[in-house]
Full PDB file with SEQRES, HELIX, SHEET, SSBOND, CRYST1, ORIGX, SCALE, CONECT and MASTER records, all heavy atoms in Angstrom:
SEQRES   1 A   39  ASP LEU ARG GLN ALA LEU ALA LYS LEU VAL PRO ALA GLY          
SEQRES   2 A   39  PRO PHE LEU TYR PRO GLU ASP GLN MET SER ASP ALA PRO          
SEQRES   3 A   39  MET ARG HIS LEU ALA ALA GLU ILE THR ARG GLU LYS ILE          
HELIX    1 AA1 LEU A    2  LEU A    9  1                                   8    
HELIX    2 AA2 MET A   27  LYS A   38  1                                  12    
CRYST1    1.000    1.000    1.000  90.00  90.00  90.00 P 1           1          
ORIGX1      1.000000  0.000000  0.000000        0.00000                         
ORIGX2      0.000000  1.000000  0.000000        0.00000                         
ORIGX3      0.000000  0.000000  1.000000        0.00000                         
SCALE1      1.000000  0.000000  0.000000        0.00000                         
SCALE2      0.000000  1.000000  0.000000        0.00000                         
SCALE3      0.000000  0.000000  1.000000        0.00000                         
ATOM      1  N   ASP A   1      80.416 104.444  91.539  1.00  0.00           N  
ATOM      2  CA  ASP A   1      79.609 104.086  92.663  1.00  0.00           C  
ATOM      3  C   ASP A   1      79.971 102.704  93.228  1.00  0.00           C  
ATOM      4  O   ASP A   1      80.149 102.512  94.440  1.00  0.00           O  
ATOM      5  CB  ASP A   1      78.086 104.073  92.329  1.00  0.00           C  
ATOM      6  CG  ASP A   1      77.602 105.468  91.938  1.00  0.00           C  
ATOM      7  OD1 ASP A   1      78.202 106.448  92.344  1.00  0.00           O  
ATOM      8  OD2 ASP A   1      76.550 105.513  91.232  1.00  0.00           O  
ATOM      9  N   LEU A   2      80.151 101.767  92.372  1.00  0.00           N  
ATOM     10  CA  LEU A   2      80.565 100.394  92.777  1.00  0.00           C  
ATOM     11  C   LEU A   2      81.960 100.456  93.406  1.00  0.00           C  
ATOM     12  O   LEU A   2      82.198  99.854  94.462  1.00  0.00           O  
ATOM     13  CB  LEU A   2      80.549  99.443  91.574  1.00  0.00           C  
ATOM     14  CG  LEU A   2      81.070  98.034  91.859  1.00  0.00           C  
ATOM     15  CD1 LEU A   2      80.265  97.342  92.917  1.00  0.00           C  
ATOM     16  CD2 LEU A   2      81.146  97.214  90.552  1.00  0.00           C  
ATOM     17  N   ARG A   3      82.858 101.175  92.796  1.00  0.00           N  
ATOM     18  CA  ARG A   3      84.241 101.280  93.259  1.00  0.00           C  
ATOM     19  C   ARG A   3      84.287 101.868  94.698  1.00  0.00           C  
ATOM     20  O   ARG A   3      84.961 101.365  95.568  1.00  0.00           O  
ATOM     21  CB  ARG A   3      85.032 102.085  92.301  1.00  0.00           C  
ATOM     22  CG  ARG A   3      86.574 102.025  92.541  1.00  0.00           C  
ATOM     23  CD  ARG A   3      87.337 102.761  91.471  1.00  0.00           C  
ATOM     24  NE  ARG A   3      87.362 102.023  90.231  1.00  0.00           N  
ATOM     25  CZ  ARG A   3      87.327 102.556  89.056  1.00  0.00           C  
ATOM     26  NH1 ARG A   3      87.416 103.866  88.881  1.00  0.00           N  
ATOM     27  NH2 ARG A   3      87.341 101.770  87.938  1.00  0.00           N  
ATOM     28  N   GLN A   4      83.477 102.918  94.904  1.00  0.00           N  
ATOM     29  CA  GLN A   4      83.457 103.521  96.239  1.00  0.00           C  
ATOM     30  C   GLN A   4      82.853 102.623  97.260  1.00  0.00           C  
ATOM     31  O   GLN A   4      83.323 102.533  98.424  1.00  0.00           O  
ATOM     32  CB  GLN A   4      82.694 104.870  96.135  1.00  0.00           C  
ATOM     33  CG  GLN A   4      83.411 105.924  95.374  1.00  0.00           C  
ATOM     34  CD  GLN A   4      82.498 107.167  95.136  1.00  0.00           C  
ATOM     35  OE1 GLN A   4      81.435 107.297  95.695  1.00  0.00           O  
ATOM     36  NE2 GLN A   4      82.985 108.074  94.303  1.00  0.00           N  
ATOM     37  N   ALA A   5      81.816 101.904  96.919  1.00  0.00           N  
ATOM     38  CA  ALA A   5      81.171 100.936  97.839  1.00  0.00           C  
ATOM     39  C   ALA A   5      82.092  99.866  98.224  1.00  0.00           C  
ATOM     40  O   ALA A   5      82.216  99.435  99.390  1.00  0.00           O  
ATOM     41  CB  ALA A   5      79.906 100.393  97.297  1.00  0.00           C  
ATOM     42  N   LEU A   6      82.841  99.320  97.235  1.00  0.00           N  
ATOM     43  CA  LEU A   6      83.784  98.247  97.524  1.00  0.00           C  
ATOM     44  C   LEU A   6      84.942  98.742  98.381  1.00  0.00           C  
ATOM     45  O   LEU A   6      85.421  98.051  99.285  1.00  0.00           O  
ATOM     46  CB  LEU A   6      84.365  97.709  96.187  1.00  0.00           C  
ATOM     47  CG  LEU A   6      83.358  96.880  95.412  1.00  0.00           C  
ATOM     48  CD1 LEU A   6      83.943  96.456  94.074  1.00  0.00           C  
ATOM     49  CD2 LEU A   6      82.833  95.670  96.140  1.00  0.00           C  
ATOM     50  N   ALA A   7      85.403  99.961  98.116  1.00  0.00           N  
ATOM     51  CA  ALA A   7      86.525 100.516  98.899  1.00  0.00           C  
ATOM     52  C   ALA A   7      86.154 100.642 100.370  1.00  0.00           C  
ATOM     53  O   ALA A   7      86.984 100.470 101.289  1.00  0.00           O  
ATOM     54  CB  ALA A   7      86.928 101.927  98.323  1.00  0.00           C  
ATOM     55  N   LYS A   8      84.881 100.954 100.677  1.00  0.00           N  
ATOM     56  CA  LYS A   8      84.426 101.081 102.051  1.00  0.00           C  
ATOM     57  C   LYS A   8      84.401  99.725 102.791  1.00  0.00           C  
ATOM     58  O   LYS A   8      84.537  99.620 104.001  1.00  0.00           O  
ATOM     59  CB  LYS A   8      82.992 101.695 102.121  1.00  0.00           C  
ATOM     60  CG  LYS A   8      82.972 103.114 101.784  1.00  0.00           C  
ATOM     61  CD  LYS A   8      81.562 103.646 101.746  1.00  0.00           C  
ATOM     62  CE  LYS A   8      81.518 105.099 101.231  1.00  0.00           C  
ATOM     63  NZ  LYS A   8      80.119 105.604 101.128  1.00  0.00           N  
ATOM     64  N   LEU A   9      84.246  98.657 102.004  1.00  0.00           N  
ATOM     65  CA  LEU A   9      84.206  97.328 102.606  1.00  0.00           C  
ATOM     66  C   LEU A   9      85.578  96.667 102.850  1.00  0.00           C  
ATOM     67  O   LEU A   9      85.671  95.741 103.638  1.00  0.00           O  
ATOM     68  CB  LEU A   9      83.431  96.369 101.680  1.00  0.00           C  
ATOM     69  CG  LEU A   9      81.951  96.751 101.435  1.00  0.00           C  
ATOM     70  CD1 LEU A   9      81.295  95.855 100.387  1.00  0.00           C  
ATOM     71  CD2 LEU A   9      81.130  96.596 102.784  1.00  0.00           C  
ATOM     72  N   VAL A  10      86.612  97.190 102.226  1.00  0.00           N  
ATOM     73  CA  VAL A  10      87.923  96.591 102.346  1.00  0.00           C  
ATOM     74  C   VAL A  10      88.630  97.167 103.581  1.00  0.00           C  
ATOM     75  O   VAL A  10      88.736  98.370 103.739  1.00  0.00           O  
ATOM     76  CB  VAL A  10      88.760  96.892 101.085  1.00  0.00           C  
ATOM     77  CG1 VAL A  10      90.172  96.356 101.234  1.00  0.00           C  
ATOM     78  CG2 VAL A  10      88.141  96.340  99.815  1.00  0.00           C  
ATOM     79  N   PRO A  11      89.084  96.279 104.453  1.00  0.00           N  
ATOM     80  CA  PRO A  11      89.752  96.798 105.659  1.00  0.00           C  
ATOM     81  C   PRO A  11      91.053  97.443 105.317  1.00  0.00           C  
ATOM     82  O   PRO A  11      91.782  96.995 104.442  1.00  0.00           O  
ATOM     83  CB  PRO A  11      89.885  95.565 106.554  1.00  0.00           C  
ATOM     84  CG  PRO A  11      89.920  94.381 105.565  1.00  0.00           C  
ATOM     85  CD  PRO A  11      89.002  94.848 104.425  1.00  0.00           C  
ATOM     86  N   ALA A  12      91.407  98.455 106.138  1.00  0.00           N  
ATOM     87  CA  ALA A  12      92.688  99.109 105.941  1.00  0.00           C  
ATOM     88  C   ALA A  12      93.814  98.156 106.364  1.00  0.00           C  
ATOM     89  O   ALA A  12      93.655  97.369 107.315  1.00  0.00           O  
ATOM     90  CB  ALA A  12      92.782 100.407 106.782  1.00  0.00           C  
ATOM     91  N   GLY A  13      94.949  98.220 105.719  1.00  0.00           N  
ATOM     92  CA  GLY A  13      96.067  97.320 106.127  1.00  0.00           C  
ATOM     93  C   GLY A  13      97.369  97.860 105.481  1.00  0.00           C  
ATOM     94  O   GLY A  13      97.342  98.841 104.681  1.00  0.00           O  
ATOM     95  N   PRO A  14      98.421  97.209 105.824  1.00  0.00           N  
ATOM     96  CA  PRO A  14      99.706  97.651 105.305  1.00  0.00           C  
ATOM     97  C   PRO A  14      99.874  97.285 103.861  1.00  0.00           C  
ATOM     98  O   PRO A  14      99.231  96.354 103.360  1.00  0.00           O  
ATOM     99  CB  PRO A  14     100.742  96.870 106.151  1.00  0.00           C  
ATOM    100  CG  PRO A  14     100.012  95.624 106.508  1.00  0.00           C  
ATOM    101  CD  PRO A  14      98.574  96.039 106.686  1.00  0.00           C  
ATOM    102  N   PHE A  15     100.727  98.078 103.152  1.00  0.00           N  
ATOM    103  CA  PHE A  15     101.068  97.723 101.804  1.00  0.00           C  
ATOM    104  C   PHE A  15     101.757  96.374 101.766  1.00  0.00           C  
ATOM    105  O   PHE A  15     102.657  96.176 102.629  1.00  0.00           O  
ATOM    106  CB  PHE A  15     101.934  98.779 101.130  1.00  0.00           C  
ATOM    107  CG  PHE A  15     101.198 100.024 100.751  1.00  0.00           C  
ATOM    108  CD1 PHE A  15     101.303 101.178 101.501  1.00  0.00           C  
ATOM    109  CD2 PHE A  15     100.338 100.065  99.650  1.00  0.00           C  
ATOM    110  CE1 PHE A  15     100.608 102.355 101.191  1.00  0.00           C  
ATOM    111  CE2 PHE A  15      99.602 101.224  99.283  1.00  0.00           C  
ATOM    112  CZ  PHE A  15      99.803 102.383 100.063  1.00  0.00           C  
ATOM    113  N   LEU A  16     101.457  95.541 100.859  1.00  0.00           N  
ATOM    114  CA  LEU A  16     102.127  94.225 100.768  1.00  0.00           C  
ATOM    115  C   LEU A  16     103.371  94.269  99.974  1.00  0.00           C  
ATOM    116  O   LEU A  16     104.157  93.372  99.983  1.00  0.00           O  
ATOM    117  CB  LEU A  16     101.134  93.203 100.213  1.00  0.00           C  
ATOM    118  CG  LEU A  16      99.961  92.969 101.082  1.00  0.00           C  
ATOM    119  CD1 LEU A  16      98.966  91.966 100.386  1.00  0.00           C  
ATOM    120  CD2 LEU A  16     100.245  92.506 102.457  1.00  0.00           C  
ATOM    121  N   TYR A  17     103.570  95.377  99.199  1.00  0.00           N  
ATOM    122  CA  TYR A  17     104.776  95.636  98.489  1.00  0.00           C  
ATOM    123  C   TYR A  17     104.925  97.126  98.356  1.00  0.00           C  
ATOM    124  O   TYR A  17     103.968  97.859  98.670  1.00  0.00           O  
ATOM    125  CB  TYR A  17     104.859  94.900  97.117  1.00  0.00           C  
ATOM    126  CG  TYR A  17     103.597  94.967  96.274  1.00  0.00           C  
ATOM    127  CD1 TYR A  17     103.344  95.960  95.363  1.00  0.00           C  
ATOM    128  CD2 TYR A  17     102.600  93.967  96.393  1.00  0.00           C  
ATOM    129  CE1 TYR A  17     102.232  96.004  94.615  1.00  0.00           C  
ATOM    130  CE2 TYR A  17     101.427  93.994  95.644  1.00  0.00           C  
ATOM    131  CZ  TYR A  17     101.288  95.009  94.719  1.00  0.00           C  
ATOM    132  OH  TYR A  17     100.138  95.025  93.991  1.00  0.00           O  
ATOM    133  N   PRO A  18     106.011  97.700  97.936  1.00  0.00           N  
ATOM    134  CA  PRO A  18     106.219  99.171  97.908  1.00  0.00           C  
ATOM    135  C   PRO A  18     105.057  99.880  97.186  1.00  0.00           C  
ATOM    136  O   PRO A  18     104.494  99.428  96.200  1.00  0.00           O  
ATOM    137  CB  PRO A  18     107.568  99.340  97.166  1.00  0.00           C  
ATOM    138  CG  PRO A  18     108.278  98.064  97.325  1.00  0.00           C  
ATOM    139  CD  PRO A  18     107.202  96.998  97.436  1.00  0.00           C  
ATOM    140  N   GLU A  19     104.714 101.032  97.747  1.00  0.00           N  
ATOM    141  CA  GLU A  19     103.536 101.803  97.282  1.00  0.00           C  
ATOM    142  C   GLU A  19     103.670 102.170  95.850  1.00  0.00           C  
ATOM    143  O   GLU A  19     102.626 102.267  95.138  1.00  0.00           O  
ATOM    144  CB  GLU A  19     103.449 103.087  98.153  1.00  0.00           C  
ATOM    145  CG  GLU A  19     102.180 103.888  97.844  1.00  0.00           C  
ATOM    146  CD  GLU A  19     102.047 105.077  98.803  1.00  0.00           C  
ATOM    147  OE1 GLU A  19     102.844 105.212  99.730  1.00  0.00           O  
ATOM    148  OE2 GLU A  19     101.077 105.874  98.613  1.00  0.00           O  
ATOM    149  N   ASP A  20     104.871 102.429  95.322  1.00  0.00           N  
ATOM    150  CA  ASP A  20     105.048 102.839  93.931  1.00  0.00           C  
ATOM    151  C   ASP A  20     105.163 101.643  92.962  1.00  0.00           C  
ATOM    152  O   ASP A  20     105.371 101.852  91.746  1.00  0.00           O  
ATOM    153  CB  ASP A  20     106.202 103.748  93.797  1.00  0.00           C  
ATOM    154  CG  ASP A  20     107.544 103.094  94.170  1.00  0.00           C  
ATOM    155  OD1 ASP A  20     107.499 102.112  94.896  1.00  0.00           O  
ATOM    156  OD2 ASP A  20     108.598 103.580  93.779  1.00  0.00           O  
ATOM    157  N   GLN A  21     105.121 100.425  93.468  1.00  0.00           N  
ATOM    158  CA  GLN A  21     105.245  99.262  92.613  1.00  0.00           C  
ATOM    159  C   GLN A  21     103.879  98.847  92.109  1.00  0.00           C  
ATOM    160  O   GLN A  21     102.910  98.675  92.926  1.00  0.00           O  
ATOM    161  CB  GLN A  21     105.845  98.117  93.480  1.00  0.00           C  
ATOM    162  CG  GLN A  21     106.161  96.863  92.672  1.00  0.00           C  
ATOM    163  CD  GLN A  21     106.833  95.827  93.523  1.00  0.00           C  
ATOM    164  OE1 GLN A  21     107.565  96.157  94.434  1.00  0.00           O  
ATOM    165  NE2 GLN A  21     106.622  94.594  93.218  1.00  0.00           N  
ATOM    166  N   MET A  22     103.672  98.727  90.813  1.00  0.00           N  
ATOM    167  CA  MET A  22     102.374  98.392  90.243  1.00  0.00           C  
ATOM    168  C   MET A  22     101.877  97.048  90.519  1.00  0.00           C  
ATOM    169  O   MET A  22     100.702  96.778  90.608  1.00  0.00           O  
ATOM    170  CB  MET A  22     102.402  98.580  88.691  1.00  0.00           C  
ATOM    171  CG  MET A  22     102.426  99.977  88.251  1.00  0.00           C  
ATOM    172  SD  MET A  22     102.351 100.062  86.459  1.00  0.00           S  
ATOM    173  CE  MET A  22     100.914  99.073  86.163  1.00  0.00           C  
ATOM    174  N   SER A  23     102.796  96.050  90.639  1.00  0.00           N  
ATOM    175  CA  SER A  23     102.378  94.656  90.787  1.00  0.00           C  
ATOM    176  C   SER A  23     103.458  93.905  91.534  1.00  0.00           C  
ATOM    177  O   SER A  23     104.604  94.344  91.581  1.00  0.00           O  
ATOM    178  CB  SER A  23     102.165  94.059  89.356  1.00  0.00           C  
ATOM    179  OG  SER A  23     102.065  92.695  89.431  1.00  0.00           O  
ATOM    180  N   ASP A  24     103.081  92.766  92.094  1.00  0.00           N  
ATOM    181  CA  ASP A  24     104.098  91.906  92.689  1.00  0.00           C  
ATOM    182  C   ASP A  24     104.651  90.853  91.672  1.00  0.00           C  
ATOM    183  O   ASP A  24     105.453  90.096  92.027  1.00  0.00           O  
ATOM    184  CB  ASP A  24     103.579  91.235  93.920  1.00  0.00           C  
ATOM    185  CG  ASP A  24     102.395  90.299  93.649  1.00  0.00           C  
ATOM    186  OD1 ASP A  24     101.819  90.446  92.586  1.00  0.00           O  
ATOM    187  OD2 ASP A  24     102.034  89.522  94.560  1.00  0.00           O  
ATOM    188  N   ALA A  25     104.094  90.923  90.464  1.00  0.00           N  
ATOM    189  CA  ALA A  25     104.553  89.982  89.434  1.00  0.00           C  
ATOM    190  C   ALA A  25     105.909  90.459  88.902  1.00  0.00           C  
ATOM    191  O   ALA A  25     106.130  91.685  88.831  1.00  0.00           O  
ATOM    192  CB  ALA A  25     103.577  89.916  88.283  1.00  0.00           C  
ATOM    193  N   PRO A  26     106.822  89.566  88.533  1.00  0.00           N  
ATOM    194  CA  PRO A  26     108.091  90.009  87.976  1.00  0.00           C  
ATOM    195  C   PRO A  26     107.807  90.768  86.670  1.00  0.00           C  
ATOM    196  O   PRO A  26     106.868  90.535  85.939  1.00  0.00           O  
ATOM    197  CB  PRO A  26     108.783  88.668  87.662  1.00  0.00           C  
ATOM    198  CG  PRO A  26     108.058  87.620  88.490  1.00  0.00           C  
ATOM    199  CD  PRO A  26     106.685  88.126  88.658  1.00  0.00           C  
ATOM    200  N   MET A  27     108.659  91.729  86.356  1.00  0.00           N  
ATOM    201  CA  MET A  27     108.471  92.538  85.186  1.00  0.00           C  
ATOM    202  C   MET A  27     108.470  91.737  83.885  1.00  0.00           C  
ATOM    203  O   MET A  27     107.785  92.020  82.944  1.00  0.00           O  
ATOM    204  CB  MET A  27     109.551  93.635  85.084  1.00  0.00           C  
ATOM    205  CG  MET A  27     109.283  94.818  85.991  1.00  0.00           C  
ATOM    206  SD  MET A  27     107.539  95.506  85.819  1.00  0.00           S  
ATOM    207  CE  MET A  27     107.534  95.970  84.126  1.00  0.00           C  
ATOM    208  N   ARG A  28     109.254  90.618  83.884  1.00  0.00           N  
ATOM    209  CA  ARG A  28     109.219  89.728  82.693  1.00  0.00           C  
ATOM    210  C   ARG A  28     107.810  89.225  82.445  1.00  0.00           C  
ATOM    211  O   ARG A  28     107.370  89.195  81.299  1.00  0.00           O  
ATOM    212  CB  ARG A  28     110.208  88.577  82.859  1.00  0.00           C  
ATOM    213  CG  ARG A  28     111.635  89.021  82.858  1.00  0.00           C  
ATOM    214  CD  ARG A  28     112.566  87.804  83.204  1.00  0.00           C  
ATOM    215  NE  ARG A  28     112.523  86.791  82.240  1.00  0.00           N  
ATOM    216  CZ  ARG A  28     113.473  86.532  81.314  1.00  0.00           C  
ATOM    217  NH1 ARG A  28     114.568  87.314  81.323  1.00  0.00           N  
ATOM    218  NH2 ARG A  28     113.343  85.596  80.439  1.00  0.00           N  
ATOM    219  N   HIS A  29     107.186  88.833  83.512  1.00  0.00           N  
ATOM    220  CA  HIS A  29     105.820  88.245  83.382  1.00  0.00           C  
ATOM    221  C   HIS A  29     104.848  89.398  83.023  1.00  0.00           C  
ATOM    222  O   HIS A  29     103.951  89.191  82.211  1.00  0.00           O  
ATOM    223  CB  HIS A  29     105.446  87.623  84.711  1.00  0.00           C  
ATOM    224  CG  HIS A  29     104.058  87.015  84.684  1.00  0.00           C  
ATOM    225  ND1 HIS A  29     103.713  85.867  83.993  1.00  0.00           N  
ATOM    226  CD2 HIS A  29     102.907  87.429  85.277  1.00  0.00           C  
ATOM    227  CE1 HIS A  29     102.456  85.642  84.157  1.00  0.00           C  
ATOM    228  NE2 HIS A  29     101.940  86.544  84.905  1.00  0.00           N  
ATOM    229  N   LEU A  30     104.968  90.570  83.648  1.00  0.00           N  
ATOM    230  CA  LEU A  30     104.093  91.670  83.391  1.00  0.00           C  
ATOM    231  C   LEU A  30     104.199  92.104  81.953  1.00  0.00           C  
ATOM    232  O   LEU A  30     103.191  92.337  81.287  1.00  0.00           O  
ATOM    233  CB  LEU A  30     104.381  92.805  84.315  1.00  0.00           C  
ATOM    234  CG  LEU A  30     103.432  94.004  84.225  1.00  0.00           C  
ATOM    235  CD1 LEU A  30     102.024  93.634  84.494  1.00  0.00           C  
ATOM    236  CD2 LEU A  30     103.915  95.123  85.212  1.00  0.00           C  
ATOM    237  N   ALA A  31     105.419  92.148  81.424  1.00  0.00           N  
ATOM    238  CA  ALA A  31     105.663  92.534  80.042  1.00  0.00           C  
ATOM    239  C   ALA A  31     104.982  91.566  79.064  1.00  0.00           C  
ATOM    240  O   ALA A  31     104.359  91.971  78.087  1.00  0.00           O  
ATOM    241  CB  ALA A  31     107.130  92.635  79.734  1.00  0.00           C  
ATOM    242  N   ALA A  32     105.051  90.238  79.408  1.00  0.00           N  
ATOM    243  CA  ALA A  32     104.362  89.249  78.551  1.00  0.00           C  
ATOM    244  C   ALA A  32     102.877  89.441  78.601  1.00  0.00           C  
ATOM    245  O   ALA A  32     102.160  89.327  77.588  1.00  0.00           O  
ATOM    246  CB  ALA A  32     104.783  87.887  79.034  1.00  0.00           C  
ATOM    247  N   GLU A  33     102.358  89.749  79.757  1.00  0.00           N  
ATOM    248  CA  GLU A  33     100.868  90.021  79.832  1.00  0.00           C  
ATOM    249  C   GLU A  33     100.443  91.249  79.118  1.00  0.00           C  
ATOM    250  O   GLU A  33      99.353  91.254  78.531  1.00  0.00           O  
ATOM    251  CB  GLU A  33     100.438  90.042  81.349  1.00  0.00           C  
ATOM    252  CG  GLU A  33     100.503  88.703  82.046  1.00  0.00           C  
ATOM    253  CD  GLU A  33      99.590  87.689  81.351  1.00  0.00           C  
ATOM    254  OE1 GLU A  33      98.370  87.970  81.111  1.00  0.00           O  
ATOM    255  OE2 GLU A  33     100.069  86.594  81.024  1.00  0.00           O  
ATOM    256  N   ILE A  34     101.290  92.245  79.094  1.00  0.00           N  
ATOM    257  CA  ILE A  34     100.913  93.453  78.329  1.00  0.00           C  
ATOM    258  C   ILE A  34     100.916  93.140  76.901  1.00  0.00           C  
ATOM    259  O   ILE A  34      99.944  93.510  76.135  1.00  0.00           O  
ATOM    260  CB  ILE A  34     101.980  94.573  78.605  1.00  0.00           C  
ATOM    261  CG1 ILE A  34     101.786  95.119  80.055  1.00  0.00           C  
ATOM    262  CG2 ILE A  34     101.858  95.718  77.604  1.00  0.00           C  
ATOM    263  CD1 ILE A  34     102.888  96.031  80.549  1.00  0.00           C  
ATOM    264  N   THR A  35     101.821  92.361  76.346  1.00  0.00           N  
ATOM    265  CA  THR A  35     101.814  91.953  74.939  1.00  0.00           C  
ATOM    266  C   THR A  35     100.617  91.083  74.663  1.00  0.00           C  
ATOM    267  O   THR A  35      99.946  91.309  73.626  1.00  0.00           O  
ATOM    268  CB  THR A  35     103.135  91.191  74.603  1.00  0.00           C  
ATOM    269  OG1 THR A  35     104.276  92.101  74.882  1.00  0.00           O  
ATOM    270  CG2 THR A  35     103.112  90.866  73.131  1.00  0.00           C  
ATOM    271  N   ARG A  36     100.313  90.194  75.561  1.00  0.00           N  
ATOM    272  CA  ARG A  36      99.130  89.310  75.372  1.00  0.00           C  
ATOM    273  C   ARG A  36      97.832  90.150  75.301  1.00  0.00           C  
ATOM    274  O   ARG A  36      96.971  89.887  74.483  1.00  0.00           O  
ATOM    275  CB  ARG A  36      99.088  88.341  76.500  1.00  0.00           C  
ATOM    276  CG  ARG A  36      98.099  87.195  76.306  1.00  0.00           C  
ATOM    277  CD  ARG A  36      98.418  86.138  77.378  1.00  0.00           C  
ATOM    278  NE  ARG A  36      97.471  85.073  77.252  1.00  0.00           N  
ATOM    279  CZ  ARG A  36      96.535  84.804  78.164  1.00  0.00           C  
ATOM    280  NH1 ARG A  36      96.492  85.434  79.322  1.00  0.00           N  
ATOM    281  NH2 ARG A  36      95.719  83.814  77.981  1.00  0.00           N  
ATOM    282  N   GLU A  37      97.762  91.161  76.184  1.00  0.00           N  
ATOM    283  CA  GLU A  37      96.603  92.076  76.145  1.00  0.00           C  
ATOM    284  C   GLU A  37      96.462  92.740  74.788  1.00  0.00           C  
ATOM    285  O   GLU A  37      95.321  92.855  74.265  1.00  0.00           O  
ATOM    286  CB  GLU A  37      96.714  93.138  77.258  1.00  0.00           C  
ATOM    287  CG  GLU A  37      95.656  94.132  77.200  1.00  0.00           C  
ATOM    288  CD  GLU A  37      95.981  95.403  78.017  1.00  0.00           C  
ATOM    289  OE1 GLU A  37      97.038  95.487  78.605  1.00  0.00           O  
ATOM    290  OE2 GLU A  37      95.084  96.250  78.147  1.00  0.00           O  
ATOM    291  N   LYS A  38      97.577  93.206  74.225  1.00  0.00           N  
ATOM    292  CA  LYS A  38      97.541  93.893  72.932  1.00  0.00           C  
ATOM    293  C   LYS A  38      97.105  92.915  71.786  1.00  0.00           C  
ATOM    294  O   LYS A  38      96.389  93.306  70.884  1.00  0.00           O  
ATOM    295  CB  LYS A  38      98.871  94.555  72.594  1.00  0.00           C  
ATOM    296  CG  LYS A  38      99.387  95.509  73.618  1.00  0.00           C  
ATOM    297  CD  LYS A  38      98.330  96.562  74.017  1.00  0.00           C  
ATOM    298  CE  LYS A  38      98.881  97.415  75.137  1.00  0.00           C  
ATOM    299  NZ  LYS A  38      97.823  98.180  75.803  1.00  0.00           N  
ATOM    300  N   ILE A  39      97.524  91.676  71.924  1.00  0.00           N  
ATOM    301  CA  ILE A  39      97.063  90.649  70.955  1.00  0.00           C  
ATOM    302  C   ILE A  39      95.552  90.593  70.971  1.00  0.00           C  
ATOM    303  O   ILE A  39      94.889  90.608  69.946  1.00  0.00           O  
ATOM    304  CB  ILE A  39      97.706  89.287  71.224  1.00  0.00           C  
ATOM    305  CG1 ILE A  39      99.179  89.343  70.953  1.00  0.00           C  
ATOM    306  CG2 ILE A  39      97.064  88.198  70.386  1.00  0.00           C  
ATOM    307  CD1 ILE A  39      99.971  88.139  71.545  1.00  0.00           C  
TER     308      ILE A  39                                                      
MASTER        0    0    0    2    0    0    0    6  307    1    0    3          
END                                                                             
C-alpha cells in the first residue's frame, strides 16, 4: 500500500541510466556493498 501510494506521487521522467542497469554505482563498489551486507 505504501509503495503504491509513493509511486503515484513520483513524477514520470526519463531513465537516468539504462533500464536494465541496477545501479549507477560502479560494480566494484556494488560488490563491496553486497559483501558488507552479508557481514
